[in-house]
Amino acid sequence: MIEYHDPDVFKFAKPAPRSAVKLAKARKAKAHELKTRRKVNARDKHVCFYPRCRETAFHKHHKVYRSKGGKWETENVVSGCATHHRWVHDGLIRLVGNPDKPPLEIEVTKLGRDAKIRIPKVAA
């Protein structure tokens, strides 16, 4: 017979609280993001993706936006200065190709042509 005054009878293994699980996932994602940022900085040498740009590239641009399922992977992230990063998001230019396998090509969109944006020629 079970004695109900025994406290060990109703002990169940408790799972971790949802907030702790969520926090652990966020920490793991942040660590992965930092690792990818370091790899991208080493690859791009803090230089903007735009030809002949002399600004330091502090911004990271996702070719496939994170809101559209883009990941923090080196083939999806490229370094850019504030101006040229804004141009991409404003739809003036588009990045084509894999940043890990140069050359990364830049296309001027119709909106960019209307704004008279020209890609400088770079000697090979």
PDB file of N, CA and C in Angstrom:
ATOM      1  N   MET A   1       0.829  -1.169   0.000  1.00  0.00           N
ATOM      2  CA  MET A   1       0.000   0.000   0.000  1.00  0.00           C
ATOM      3  C   MET A   1       0.889   1.253   0.000  1.00  0.00           C
ATOM      4  N   ILE A   2       0.462   2.270  -0.759  1.00  0.00           N
ATOM      5  CA  ILE A   2       1.218   3.524  -0.847  1.00  0.00           C
ATOM      6  C   ILE A   2       0.801   4.434   0.288  1.00  0.00           C
ATOM      7  N   GLU A   3       1.776   4.919   0.952  1.00  0.00           N
ATOM      8  CA  GLU A   3       1.503   5.876   2.011  1.00  0.00           C
ATOM      9  C   GLU A   3       1.649   7.275   1.414  1.00  0.00           C
ATOM     10  N   TYR A   4       0.584   8.040   1.449  1.00  0.00           N
ATOM     11  CA  TYR A   4       0.582   9.341   0.783  1.00  0.00           C
ATOM     12  C   TYR A   4       1.347  10.425   1.536  1.00  0.00           C
ATOM     13  N   HIS A   5       1.708  10.159   2.724  1.00  0.00           N
ATOM     14  CA  HIS A   5       2.495  11.151   3.436  1.00  0.00           C
ATOM     15  C   HIS A   5       3.982  11.038   3.084  1.00  0.00           C
ATOM     16  N   ASP A   6       4.343  10.018   2.269  1.00  0.00           N
ATOM     17  CA  ASP A   6       5.736   9.843   1.837  1.00  0.00           C
ATOM     18  C   ASP A   6       6.040  10.842   0.719  1.00  0.00           C
ATOM     19  N   PRO A   7       6.945  11.824   0.902  1.00  0.00           N
ATOM     20  CA  PRO A   7       7.205  12.842  -0.120  1.00  0.00           C
ATOM     21  C   PRO A   7       7.897  12.306  -1.363  1.00  0.00           C
ATOM     22  N   ASP A   8       8.571  11.166  -1.305  1.00  0.00           N
ATOM     23  CA  ASP A   8       9.283  10.636  -2.465  1.00  0.00           C
ATOM     24  C   ASP A   8       8.354   9.994  -3.493  1.00  0.00           C
ATOM     25  N   VAL A   9       7.113   9.731  -3.123  1.00  0.00           N
ATOM     26  CA  VAL A   9       6.187   9.064  -4.019  1.00  0.00           C
ATOM     27  C   VAL A   9       5.879   9.925  -5.236  1.00  0.00           C
ATOM     28  N   PHE A  10       5.753  11.228  -5.066  1.00  0.00           N
ATOM     29  CA  PHE A  10       5.321  12.098  -6.157  1.00  0.00           C
ATOM     30  C   PHE A  10       6.456  12.902  -6.784  1.00  0.00           C
ATOM     31  N   LYS A  11       7.675  12.462  -6.636  1.00  0.00           N
ATOM     32  CA  LYS A  11       8.799  13.184  -7.234  1.00  0.00           C
ATOM     33  C   LYS A  11       8.953  12.765  -8.685  1.00  0.00           C
ATOM     34  N   PHE A  12       9.002  13.764  -9.570  1.00  0.00           N
ATOM     35  CA  PHE A  12       9.222  13.537 -10.987  1.00  0.00           C
ATOM     36  C   PHE A  12      10.444  14.341 -11.420  1.00  0.00           C
ATOM     37  N   ALA A  13      11.121  13.856 -12.418  1.00  0.00           N
ATOM     38  CA  ALA A  13      12.259  14.611 -12.945  1.00  0.00           C
ATOM     39  C   ALA A  13      11.715  15.843 -13.658  1.00  0.00           C
ATOM     40  N   LYS A  14      12.178  17.005 -13.260  1.00  0.00           N
ATOM     41  CA  LYS A  14      11.708  18.245 -13.875  1.00  0.00           C
ATOM     42  C   LYS A  14      12.599  18.615 -15.055  1.00  0.00           C
ATOM     43  N   PRO A  15      11.993  18.952 -16.184  1.00  0.00           N
ATOM     44  CA  PRO A  15      12.819  19.441 -17.290  1.00  0.00           C
ATOM     45  C   PRO A  15      13.308  20.856 -16.979  1.00  0.00           C
ATOM     46  N   ALA A  16      14.309  21.275 -17.716  1.00  0.00           N
ATOM     47  CA  ALA A  16      14.813  22.641 -17.531  1.00  0.00           C
ATOM     48  C   ALA A  16      13.712  23.624 -17.907  1.00  0.00           C
ATOM     49  N   PRO A  17      13.637  24.753 -17.231  1.00  0.00           N
ATOM     50  CA  PRO A  17      12.623  25.749 -17.597  1.00  0.00           C
ATOM     51  C   PRO A  17      12.814  26.214 -19.040  1.00  0.00           C
ATOM     52  N   ARG A  18      11.707  26.549 -19.688  1.00  0.00           N
ATOM     53  CA  ARG A  18      11.785  26.978 -21.086  1.00  0.00           C
ATOM     54  C   ARG A  18      12.724  28.159 -21.274  1.00  0.00           C
ATOM     55  N   SER A  19      12.718  29.076 -20.318  1.00  0.00           N
ATOM     56  CA  SER A  19      13.575  30.251 -20.440  1.00  0.00           C
ATOM     57  C   SER A  19      15.047  29.860 -20.433  1.00  0.00           C
ATOM     58  N   ALA A  20      15.415  28.836 -19.660  1.00  0.00           N
ATOM     59  CA  ALA A  20      16.807  28.382 -19.621  1.00  0.00           C
ATOM     60  C   ALA A  20      17.197  27.737 -20.941  1.00  0.00           C
ATOM     61  N   VAL A  21      16.299  26.966 -21.525  1.00  0.00           N
ATOM     62  CA  VAL A  21      16.561  26.331 -22.817  1.00  0.00           C
ATOM     63  C   VAL A  21      16.716  27.410 -23.895  1.00  0.00           C
ATOM     64  N   LYS A  22      15.831  28.393 -23.875  1.00  0.00           N
ATOM     65  CA  LYS A  22      15.885  29.483 -24.847  1.00  0.00           C
ATOM     66  C   LYS A  22      17.185  30.267 -24.703  1.00  0.00           C
ATOM     67  N   LEU A  23      17.599  30.530 -23.471  1.00  0.00           N
ATOM     68  CA  LEU A  23      18.835  31.252 -23.213  1.00  0.00           C
ATOM     69  C   LEU A  23      20.040  30.467 -23.702  1.00  0.00           C
ATOM     70  N   ALA A  24      20.048  29.164 -23.499  1.00  0.00           N
ATOM     71  CA  ALA A  24      21.157  28.324 -23.961  1.00  0.00           C
ATOM     72  C   ALA A  24      21.255  28.346 -25.488  1.00  0.00           C
ATOM     73  N   LYS A  25      20.105  28.291 -26.174  1.00  0.00           N
ATOM     74  CA  LYS A  25      20.110  28.360 -27.638  1.00  0.00           C
ATOM     75  C   LYS A  25      20.618  29.708 -28.117  1.00  0.00           C
ATOM     76  N   ALA A  26      20.220  30.788 -27.453  1.00  0.00           N
ATOM     77  CA  ALA A  26      20.664  32.127 -27.837  1.00  0.00           C
ATOM     78  C   ALA A  26      22.167  32.279 -27.648  1.00  0.00           C
ATOM     79  N   ARG A  27      22.700  31.734 -26.570  1.00  0.00           N
ATOM     80  CA  ARG A  27      24.149  31.805 -26.331  1.00  0.00           C
ATOM     81  C   ARG A  27      24.921  31.042 -27.384  1.00  0.00           C
ATOM     82  N   LYS A  28      24.403  29.879 -27.753  1.00  0.00           N
ATOM     83  CA  LYS A  28      25.063  29.069 -28.779  1.00  0.00           C
ATOM     84  C   LYS A  28      25.038  29.794 -30.128  1.00  0.00           C
ATOM     85  N   ALA A  29      23.901  30.414 -30.461  1.00  0.00           N
ATOM     86  CA  ALA A  29      23.784  31.162 -31.720  1.00  0.00           C
ATOM     87  C   ALA A  29      24.727  32.355 -31.729  1.00  0.00           C
ATOM     88  N   LYS A  30      24.830  33.057 -30.615  1.00  0.00           N
ATOM     89  CA  LYS A  30      25.719  34.223 -30.520  1.00  0.00           C
ATOM     90  C   LYS A  30      27.172  33.804 -30.687  1.00  0.00           C
ATOM     91  N   ALA A  31      27.556  32.680 -30.096  1.00  0.00           N
ATOM     92  CA  ALA A  31      28.924  32.179 -30.235  1.00  0.00           C
ATOM     93  C   ALA A  31      29.218  31.846 -31.701  1.00  0.00           C
ATOM     94  N   HIS A  32      28.241  31.236 -32.386  1.00  0.00           N
ATOM     95  CA  HIS A  32      28.424  30.908 -33.804  1.00  0.00           C
ATOM     96  C   HIS A  32      28.552  32.188 -34.633  1.00  0.00           C
ATOM     97  N   GLU A  33      27.735  33.198 -34.318  1.00  0.00           N
ATOM     98  CA  GLU A  33      27.803  34.475 -35.031  1.00  0.00           C
ATOM     99  C   GLU A  33      29.174  35.118 -34.854  1.00  0.00           C
ATOM    100  N   LEU A  34      29.693  35.139 -33.649  1.00  0.00           N
ATOM    101  CA  LEU A  34      31.004  35.742 -33.398  1.00  0.00           C
ATOM    102  C   LEU A  34      32.113  35.003 -34.132  1.00  0.00           C
ATOM    103  N   LYS A  35      32.019  33.673 -34.159  1.00  0.00           N
ATOM    104  CA  LYS A  35      33.016  32.882 -34.874  1.00  0.00           C
ATOM    105  C   LYS A  35      32.983  33.198 -36.373  1.00  0.00           C
ATOM    106  N   THR A  36      31.771  33.310 -36.917  1.00  0.00           N
ATOM    107  CA  THR A  36      31.631  33.631 -38.341  1.00  0.00           C
ATOM    108  C   THR A  36      32.127  35.041 -38.629  1.00  0.00           C
ATOM    109  N   ARG A  37      31.826  36.001 -37.747  1.00  0.00           N
ATOM    110  CA  ARG A  37      32.317  37.369 -37.929  1.00  0.00           C
ATOM    111  C   ARG A  37      33.841  37.396 -37.985  1.00  0.00           C
ATOM    112  N   ARG A  38      34.495  36.644 -37.115  1.00  0.00           N
ATOM    113  CA  ARG A  38      35.965  36.602 -37.118  1.00  0.00           C
ATOM    114  C   ARG A  38      36.492  36.036 -38.431  1.00  0.00           C
ATOM    115  N   LYS A  39      35.860  34.972 -38.918  1.00  0.00           N
ATOM    116  CA  LYS A  39      36.294  34.370 -40.188  1.00  0.00           C
ATOM    117  C   LYS A  39      36.099  35.342 -41.346  1.00  0.00           C
ATOM    118  N   VAL A  40      34.963  36.051 -41.361  1.00  0.00           N
ATOM    119  CA  VAL A  40      34.683  37.013 -42.432  1.00  0.00           C
ATOM    120  C   VAL A  40      35.664  38.183 -42.357  1.00  0.00           C
ATOM    121  N   ASN A  41      35.963  38.679 -41.156  1.00  0.00           N
ATOM    122  CA  ASN A  41      36.934  39.763 -41.005  1.00  0.00           C
ATOM    123  C   ASN A  41      38.311  39.338 -41.487  1.00  0.00           C
ATOM    124  N   ALA A  42      38.705  38.102 -41.186  1.00  0.00           N
ATOM    125  CA  ALA A  42      40.002  37.602 -41.655  1.00  0.00           C
ATOM    126  C   ALA A  42      40.015  37.473 -43.177  1.00  0.00           C
ATOM    127  N   ARG A  43      38.921  36.982 -43.743  1.00  0.00           N
ATOM    128  CA  ARG A  43      38.841  36.816 -45.201  1.00  0.00           C
ATOM    129  C   ARG A  43      38.850  38.163 -45.919  1.00  0.00           C
ATOM    130  N   ASP A  44      38.031  39.117 -45.430  1.00  0.00           N
ATOM    131  CA  ASP A  44      37.889  40.407 -46.109  1.00  0.00           C
ATOM    132  C   ASP A  44      38.912  41.443 -45.654  1.00  0.00           C
ATOM    133  N   LYS A  45      39.658  41.152 -44.603  1.00  0.00           N
ATOM    134  CA  LYS A  45      40.678  42.070 -44.059  1.00  0.00           C
ATOM    135  C   LYS A  45      40.100  43.438 -43.728  1.00  0.00           C
ATOM    136  N   HIS A  46      38.868  43.465 -43.253  1.00  0.00           N
ATOM    137  CA  HIS A  46      38.162  44.704 -42.877  1.00  0.00           C
ATOM    138  C   HIS A  46      38.062  45.686 -44.039  1.00  0.00           C
ATOM    139  N   VAL A  47      38.055  45.178 -45.270  1.00  0.00           N
ATOM    140  CA  VAL A  47      37.951  46.015 -46.468  1.00  0.00           C
ATOM    141  C   VAL A  47      36.554  45.863 -47.052  1.00  0.00           C
ATOM    142  N   CYS A  48      35.978  46.982 -47.474  1.00  0.00           N
ATOM    143  CA  CYS A  48      34.641  46.989 -48.054  1.00  0.00           C
ATOM    144  C   CYS A  48      34.614  46.179 -49.351  1.00  0.00           C
ATOM    145  N   PHE A  49      33.479  45.544 -49.624  1.00  0.00           N
ATOM    146  CA  PHE A  49      33.321  44.739 -50.848  1.00  0.00           C
ATOM    147  C   PHE A  49      33.317  45.592 -52.108  1.00  0.00           C
ATOM    148  N   TYR A  50      33.015  46.885 -51.984  1.00  0.00           N
ATOM    149  CA  TYR A  50      32.896  47.766 -53.153  1.00  0.00           C
ATOM    150  C   TYR A  50      34.287  48.115 -53.677  1.00  0.00           C
ATOM    151  N   PRO A  51      34.507  48.042 -54.988  1.00  0.00           N
ATOM    152  CA  PRO A  51      35.840  48.317 -55.538  1.00  0.00           C
ATOM    153  C   PRO A  51      36.322  49.733 -55.216  1.00  0.00           C
ATOM    154  N   ARG A  52      37.577  49.826 -54.859  1.00  0.00           N
ATOM    155  CA  ARG A  52      38.276  51.086 -54.566  1.00  0.00           C
ATOM    156  C   ARG A  52      37.710  51.857 -53.379  1.00  0.00           C
ATOM    157  N   CYS A  53      36.919  51.247 -52.570  1.00  0.00           N
ATOM    158  CA  CYS A  53      36.407  51.906 -51.376  1.00  0.00           C
ATOM    159  C   CYS A  53      37.497  51.840 -50.312  1.00  0.00           C
ATOM    160  N   ARG A  54      37.766  52.968 -49.669  1.00  0.00           N
ATOM    161  CA  ARG A  54      38.836  53.031 -48.681  1.00  0.00           C
ATOM    162  C   ARG A  54      38.320  53.065 -47.247  1.00  0.00           C
ATOM    163  N   GLU A  55      37.030  52.967 -47.079  1.00  0.00           N
ATOM    164  CA  GLU A  55      36.447  52.979 -45.737  1.00  0.00           C
ATOM    165  C   GLU A  55      36.643  51.615 -45.066  1.00  0.00           C
ATOM    166  N   THR A  56      36.771  51.628 -43.752  1.00  0.00           N
ATOM    167  CA  THR A  56      36.840  50.383 -42.991  1.00  0.00           C
ATOM    168  C   THR A  56      35.461  49.739 -42.989  1.00  0.00           C
ATOM    169  N   ALA A  57      35.438  48.439 -43.195  1.00  0.00           N
ATOM    170  CA  ALA A  57      34.178  47.702 -43.301  1.00  0.00           C
ATOM    171  C   ALA A  57      33.754  47.186 -41.933  1.00  0.00           C
ATOM    172  N   PHE A  58      32.925  47.959 -41.248  1.00  0.00           N
ATOM    173  CA  PHE A  58      32.422  47.547 -39.944  1.00  0.00           C
ATOM    174  C   PHE A  58      31.116  46.772 -40.060  1.00  0.00           C
ATOM    175  N   HIS A  59      30.397  46.925 -41.162  1.00  0.00           N
ATOM    176  CA  HIS A  59      29.085  46.295 -41.330  1.00  0.00           C
ATOM    177  C   HIS A  59      29.233  44.917 -41.957  1.00  0.00           C
ATOM    178  N   LYS A  60      28.329  44.019 -41.598  1.00  0.00           N
ATOM    179  CA  LYS A  60      28.262  42.695 -42.214  1.00  0.00           C
ATOM    180  C   LYS A  60      26.920  42.591 -42.928  1.00  0.00           C
ATOM    181  N   HIS A  61      26.984  42.252 -44.222  1.00  0.00           N
ATOM    182  CA  HIS A  61      25.766  42.131 -45.018  1.00  0.00           C
ATOM    183  C   HIS A  61      25.505  40.671 -45.337  1.00  0.00           C
ATOM    184  N   HIS A  62      24.268  40.233 -45.118  1.00  0.00           N
ATOM    185  CA  HIS A  62      23.842  38.886 -45.479  1.00  0.00           C
ATOM    186  C   HIS A  62      23.295  38.931 -46.902  1.00  0.00           C
ATOM    187  N   LYS A  63      23.868  38.137 -47.797  1.00  0.00           N
ATOM    188  CA  LYS A  63      23.350  38.090 -49.162  1.00  0.00           C
ATOM    189  C   LYS A  63      21.916  37.577 -49.153  1.00  0.00           C
ATOM    190  N   VAL A  64      21.667  36.506 -48.420  1.00  0.00           N
ATOM    191  CA  VAL A  64      20.292  36.056 -48.175  1.00  0.00           C
ATOM    192  C   VAL A  64      19.959  36.582 -46.784  1.00  0.00           C
ATOM    193  N   TYR A  65      19.002  37.499 -46.723  1.00  0.00           N
ATOM    194  CA  TYR A  65      18.678  38.146 -45.455  1.00  0.00           C
ATOM    195  C   TYR A  65      18.280  37.121 -44.403  1.00  0.00           C
ATOM    196  N   ARG A  66      18.607  37.411 -43.153  1.00  0.00           N
ATOM    197  CA  ARG A  66      18.246  36.507 -42.060  1.00  0.00           C
ATOM    198  C   ARG A  66      16.738  36.353 -41.959  1.00  0.00           C
ATOM    199  N   SER A  67      16.003  37.403 -42.287  1.00  0.00           N
ATOM    200  CA  SER A  67      14.537  37.323 -42.245  1.00  0.00           C
ATOM    201  C   SER A  67      13.997  36.366 -43.302  1.00  0.00           C
ATOM    202  N   LYS A  68      14.802  36.093 -44.324  1.00  0.00           N
ATOM    203  CA  LYS A  68      14.410  35.166 -45.395  1.00  0.00           C
ATOM    204  C   LYS A  68      15.059  33.798 -45.223  1.00  0.00           C
ATOM    205  N   GLY A  69      15.667  33.556 -44.054  1.00  0.00           N
ATOM    206  CA  GLY A  69      16.266  32.247 -43.789  1.00  0.00           C
ATOM    207  C   GLY A  69      17.768  32.202 -43.986  1.00  0.00           C
ATOM    208  N   GLY A  70      18.412  33.330 -44.225  1.00  0.00           N
ATOM    209  CA  GLY A  70      19.858  33.368 -44.390  1.00  0.00           C
ATOM    210  C   GLY A  70      20.560  33.054 -43.082  1.00  0.00           C
ATOM    211  N   LYS A  71      21.654  32.354 -43.169  1.00  0.00           N
ATOM    212  CA  LYS A  71      22.378  31.907 -41.977  1.00  0.00           C
ATOM    213  C   LYS A  71      23.661  32.721 -41.789  1.00  0.00           C
ATOM    214  N   TRP A  72      24.227  32.599 -40.600  1.00  0.00           N
ATOM    215  CA  TRP A  72      25.528  33.192 -40.297  1.00  0.00           C
ATOM    216  C   TRP A  72      26.596  32.217 -40.777  1.00  0.00           C
ATOM    217  N   GLU A  73      26.797  32.162 -42.094  1.00  0.00           N
ATOM    218  CA  GLU A  73      27.831  31.331 -42.703  1.00  0.00           C
ATOM    219  C   GLU A  73      28.690  32.233 -43.582  1.00  0.00           C
ATOM    220  N   THR A  74      29.963  31.900 -43.741  1.00  0.00           N
ATOM    221  CA  THR A  74      30.878  32.783 -44.476  1.00  0.00           C
ATOM    222  C   THR A  74      30.466  32.971 -45.928  1.00  0.00           C
ATOM    223  N   GLU A  75      29.815  31.988 -46.535  1.00  0.00           N
ATOM    224  CA  GLU A  75      29.408  32.153 -47.935  1.00  0.00           C
ATOM    225  C   GLU A  75      28.181  33.048 -48.079  1.00  0.00           C
ATOM    226  N   ASN A  76      27.577  33.440 -46.953  1.00  0.00           N
ATOM    227  CA  ASN A  76      26.396  34.294 -46.997  1.00  0.00           C
ATOM    228  C   ASN A  76      26.663  35.695 -46.451  1.00  0.00           C
ATOM    229  N   VAL A  77      27.833  35.933 -45.869  1.00  0.00           N
ATOM    230  CA  VAL A  77      28.125  37.205 -45.203  1.00  0.00           C
ATOM    231  C   VAL A  77      29.319  37.870 -45.865  1.00  0.00           C
ATOM    232  N   VAL A  78      29.199  39.177 -46.071  1.00  0.00           N
ATOM    233  CA  VAL A  78      30.287  39.957 -46.668  1.00  0.00           C
ATOM    234  C   VAL A  78      30.444  41.259 -45.881  1.00  0.00           C
ATOM    235  N   SER A  79      31.677  41.772 -45.820  1.00  0.00           N
ATOM    236  CA  SER A  79      31.964  43.020 -45.098  1.00  0.00           C
ATOM    237  C   SER A  79      31.726  44.211 -46.008  1.00  0.00           C
ATOM    238  N   GLY A  80      31.195  45.279 -45.420  1.00  0.00           N
ATOM    239  CA  GLY A  80      30.970  46.496 -46.201  1.00  0.00           C
ATOM    240  C   GLY A  80      30.998  47.723 -45.312  1.00  0.00           C
ATOM    241  N   CYS A  81      31.303  48.860 -45.933  1.00  0.00           N
ATOM    242  CA  CYS A  81      31.244  50.123 -45.189  1.00  0.00           C
ATOM    243  C   CYS A  81      29.775  50.537 -45.070  1.00  0.00           C
ATOM    244  N   ALA A  82      29.506  51.539 -44.268  1.00  0.00           N
ATOM    245  CA  ALA A  82      28.128  51.956 -44.012  1.00  0.00           C
ATOM    246  C   ALA A  82      27.424  52.413 -45.287  1.00  0.00           C
ATOM    247  N   THR A  83      28.120  53.167 -46.129  1.00  0.00           N
ATOM    248  CA  THR A  83      27.513  53.700 -47.357  1.00  0.00           C
ATOM    249  C   THR A  83      27.123  52.588 -48.321  1.00  0.00           C
ATOM    250  N   HIS A  84      28.057  51.699 -48.621  1.00  0.00           N
ATOM    251  CA  HIS A  84      27.776  50.660 -49.615  1.00  0.00           C
ATOM    252  C   HIS A  84      26.823  49.591 -49.065  1.00  0.00           C
ATOM    253  N   HIS A  85      26.856  49.365 -47.766  1.00  0.00           N
ATOM    254  CA  HIS A  85      25.875  48.467 -47.167  1.00  0.00           C
ATOM    255  C   HIS A  85      24.476  49.060 -47.328  1.00  0.00           C
ATOM    256  N   ARG A  86      24.354  50.358 -47.141  1.00  0.00           N
ATOM    257  CA  ARG A  86      23.064  51.046 -47.313  1.00  0.00           C
ATOM    258  C   ARG A  86      22.616  50.955 -48.771  1.00  0.00           C
ATOM    259  N   TRP A  87      23.553  51.088 -49.719  1.00  0.00           N
ATOM    260  CA  TRP A  87      23.204  50.999 -51.144  1.00  0.00           C
ATOM    261  C   TRP A  87      22.572  49.647 -51.461  1.00  0.00           C
ATOM    262  N   VAL A  88      23.116  48.579 -50.864  1.00  0.00           N
ATOM    263  CA  VAL A  88      22.558  47.243 -51.116  1.00  0.00           C
ATOM    264  C   VAL A  88      21.128  47.185 -50.583  1.00  0.00           C
ATOM    265  N   HIS A  89      20.927  47.676 -49.368  1.00  0.00           N
ATOM    266  CA  HIS A  89      19.586  47.608 -48.770  1.00  0.00           C
ATOM    267  C   HIS A  89      18.606  48.571 -49.429  1.00  0.00           C
ATOM    268  N   ASP A  90      19.100  49.632 -50.019  1.00  0.00           N
ATOM    269  CA  ASP A  90      18.228  50.563 -50.736  1.00  0.00           C
ATOM    270  C   ASP A  90      17.918  50.080 -52.151  1.00  0.00           C
ATOM    271  N   GLY A  91      18.574  48.992 -52.585  1.00  0.00           N
ATOM    272  CA  GLY A  91      18.290  48.427 -53.902  1.00  0.00           C
ATOM    273  C   GLY A  91      19.045  49.090 -55.035  1.00  0.00           C
ATOM    274  N   LEU A  92      20.113  49.824 -54.737  1.00  0.00           N
ATOM    275  CA  LEU A  92      20.893  50.477 -55.788  1.00  0.00           C
ATOM    276  C   LEU A  92      21.879  49.511 -56.439  1.00  0.00           C
ATOM    277  N   ILE A  93      22.430  48.596 -55.651  1.00  0.00           N
ATOM    278  CA  ILE A  93      23.350  47.579 -56.166  1.00  0.00           C
ATOM    279  C   ILE A  93      22.941  46.222 -55.612  1.00  0.00           C
ATOM    280  N   ARG A  94      23.423  45.165 -56.272  1.00  0.00           N
ATOM    281  CA  ARG A  94      23.134  43.787 -55.860  1.00  0.00           C
ATOM    282  C   ARG A  94      24.443  43.006 -55.915  1.00  0.00           C
ATOM    283  N   LEU A  95      24.658  42.140 -54.938  1.00  0.00           N
ATOM    284  CA  LEU A  95      25.857  41.307 -54.888  1.00  0.00           C
ATOM    285  C   LEU A  95      25.558  39.959 -55.529  1.00  0.00           C
ATOM    286  N   VAL A  96      26.466  39.505 -56.394  1.00  0.00           N
ATOM    287  CA  VAL A  96      26.283  38.246 -57.105  1.00  0.00           C
ATOM    288  C   VAL A  96      27.530  37.394 -56.893  1.00  0.00           C
ATOM    289  N   GLY A  97      27.342  36.147 -56.537  1.00  0.00           N
ATOM    290  CA  GLY A  97      28.469  35.237 -56.364  1.00  0.00           C
ATOM    291  C   GLY A  97      28.664  34.852 -54.911  1.00  0.00           C
ATOM    292  N   ASN A  98      29.668  34.028 -54.710  1.00  0.00           N
ATOM    293  CA  ASN A  98      29.997  33.527 -53.383  1.00  0.00           C
ATOM    294  C   ASN A  98      31.195  34.305 -52.854  1.00  0.00           C
ATOM    295  N   PRO A  99      31.069  34.979 -51.709  1.00  0.00           N
ATOM    296  CA  PRO A  99      32.206  35.729 -51.169  1.00  0.00           C
ATOM    297  C   PRO A  99      33.422  34.859 -50.865  1.00  0.00           C
ATOM    298  N   ASP A 100      33.212  33.562 -50.603  1.00  0.00           N
ATOM    299  CA  ASP A 100      34.341  32.673 -50.332  1.00  0.00           C
ATOM    300  C   ASP A 100      35.122  32.329 -51.592  1.00  0.00           C
ATOM    301  N   LYS A 101      34.500  32.484 -52.754  1.00  0.00           N
ATOM    302  CA  LYS A 101      35.158  32.167 -54.029  1.00  0.00           C
ATOM    303  C   LYS A 101      35.147  33.409 -54.907  1.00  0.00           C
ATOM    304  N   PRO A 102      36.154  34.284 -54.764  1.00  0.00           N
ATOM    305  CA  PRO A 102      36.172  35.527 -55.536  1.00  0.00           C
ATOM    306  C   PRO A 102      36.196  35.235 -57.033  1.00  0.00           C
ATOM    307  N   PRO A 103      35.788  36.140 -57.878  1.00  0.00           N
ATOM    308  CA  PRO A 103      35.401  37.510 -57.544  1.00  0.00           C
ATOM    309  C   PRO A 103      33.922  37.604 -57.176  1.00  0.00           C
ATOM    310  N   LEU A 104      33.631  38.481 -56.231  1.00  0.00           N
ATOM    311  CA  LEU A 104      32.256  38.804 -55.878  1.00  0.00           C
ATOM    312  C   LEU A 104      31.841  39.930 -56.817  1.00  0.00           C
ATOM    313  N   GLU A 105      30.829  39.696 -57.618  1.00  0.00           N
ATOM    314  CA  GLU A 105      30.412  40.696 -58.598  1.00  0.00           C
ATOM    315  C   GLU A 105      29.341  41.608 -58.022  1.00  0.00           C
ATOM    316  N   ILE A 106      29.367  42.844 -58.506  1.00  0.00           N
ATOM    317  CA  ILE A 106      28.390  43.843 -58.084  1.00  0.00           C
ATOM    318  C   ILE A 106      27.612  44.271 -59.310  1.00  0.00           C
ATOM    319  N   GLU A 107      26.299  44.166 -59.235  1.00  0.00           N
ATOM    320  CA  GLU A 107      25.432  44.604 -60.327  1.00  0.00           C
ATOM    321  C   GLU A 107      24.737  45.890 -59.906  1.00  0.00           C
ATOM    322  N   VAL A 108      24.682  46.842 -60.825  1.00  0.00           N
ATOM    323  CA  VAL A 108      23.918  48.059 -60.570  1.00  0.00           C
ATOM    324  C   VAL A 108      22.495  47.787 -61.042  1.00  0.00           C
ATOM    325  N   THR A 109      21.530  48.015 -60.185  1.00  0.00           N
ATOM    326  CA  THR A 109      20.132  47.772 -60.528  1.00  0.00           C
ATOM    327  C   THR A 109      19.586  48.950 -61.336  1.00  0.00           C
ATOM    328  N   LYS A 110      18.359  48.821 -61.820  1.00  0.00           N
ATOM    329  CA  LYS A 110      17.731  49.914 -62.564  1.00  0.00           C
ATOM    330  C   LYS A 110      17.647  51.163 -61.691  1.00  0.00           C
ATOM    331  N   LEU A 111      17.298  50.976 -60.434  1.00  0.00           N
ATOM    332  CA  LEU A 111      17.245  52.097 -59.499  1.00  0.00           C
ATOM    333  C   LEU A 111      18.625  52.745 -59.350  1.00  0.00           C
ATOM    334  N   GLY A 112      19.671  51.925 -59.332  1.00  0.00           N
ATOM    335  CA  GLY A 112      21.036  52.439 -59.249  1.00  0.00           C
ATOM    336  C   GLY A 112      21.444  53.180 -60.501  1.00  0.00           C
ATOM    337  N   ARG A 113      21.014  52.679 -61.663  1.00  0.00           N
ATOM    338  CA  ARG A 113      21.331  53.393 -62.922  1.00  0.00           C
ATOM    339  C   ARG A 113      20.635  54.741 -62.948  1.00  0.00           C
ATOM    340  N   ASP A 114      19.400  54.789 -62.446  1.00  0.00           N
ATOM    341  CA  ASP A 114      18.692  56.067 -62.368  1.00  0.00           C
ATOM    342  C   ASP A 114      19.396  57.037 -61.418  1.00  0.00           C
ATOM    343  N   ALA A 115      20.060  56.474 -60.391  1.00  0.00           N
ATOM    344  CA  ALA A 115      20.811  57.310 -59.438  1.00  0.00           C
ATOM    345  C   ALA A 115      22.230  57.585 -59.943  1.00  0.00           C
ATOM    346  N   LYS A 116      22.544  57.104 -61.159  1.00  0.00           N
ATOM    347  CA  LYS A 116      23.834  57.313 -61.818  1.00  0.00           C
ATOM    348  C   LYS A 116      25.016  56.710 -61.062  1.00  0.00           C
ATOM    349  N   ILE A 117      24.812  55.510 -60.515  1.00  0.00           N
ATOM    350  CA  ILE A 117      25.886  54.799 -59.849  1.00  0.00           C
ATOM    351  C   ILE A 117      26.684  54.033 -60.900  1.00  0.00           C
ATOM    352  N   ARG A 118      27.992  54.168 -60.836  1.00  0.00           N
ATOM    353  CA  ARG A 118      28.881  53.456 -61.747  1.00  0.00           C
ATOM    354  C   ARG A 118      29.910  52.686 -60.920  1.00  0.00           C
ATOM    355  N   ILE A 119      30.137  51.438 -61.317  1.00  0.00           N
ATOM    356  CA  ILE A 119      31.123  50.602 -60.632  1.00  0.00           C
ATOM    357  C   ILE A 119      32.492  50.969 -61.197  1.00  0.00           C
ATOM    358  N   PRO A 120      33.478  51.338 -60.347  1.00  0.00           N
ATOM    359  CA  PRO A 120      34.803  51.674 -60.867  1.00  0.00           C
ATOM    360  C   PRO A 120      35.498  50.457 -61.448  1.00  0.00           C
ATOM    361  N   LYS A 121      36.256  50.676 -62.491  1.00  0.00           N
ATOM    362  CA  LYS A 121      37.045  49.614 -63.105  1.00  0.00           C
ATOM    363  C   LYS A 121      38.239  49.315 -62.197  1.00  0.00           C
ATOM    364  N   VAL A 122      38.543  48.026 -62.062  1.00  0.00           N
ATOM    365  CA  VAL A 122      39.668  47.622 -61.247  1.00  0.00           C
ATOM    366  C   VAL A 122      40.633  46.858 -62.123  1.00  0.00           C
ATOM    367  N   ALA A 123      41.902  47.266 -62.107  1.00  0.00           N
ATOM    368  CA  ALA A 123      42.913  46.575 -62.910  1.00  0.00           C
ATOM    369  C   ALA A 123      43.165  45.202 -62.310  1.00  0.00           C
ATOM    370  N   ALA A 124      43.196  44.202 -63.160  1.00  0.00           N
ATOM    371  CA  ALA A 124      43.381  42.815 -62.685  1.00  0.00           C
ATOM    372  C   ALA A 124      44.819  42.511 -62.392  1.00  0.00           C
TER     373      ALA A 124
END
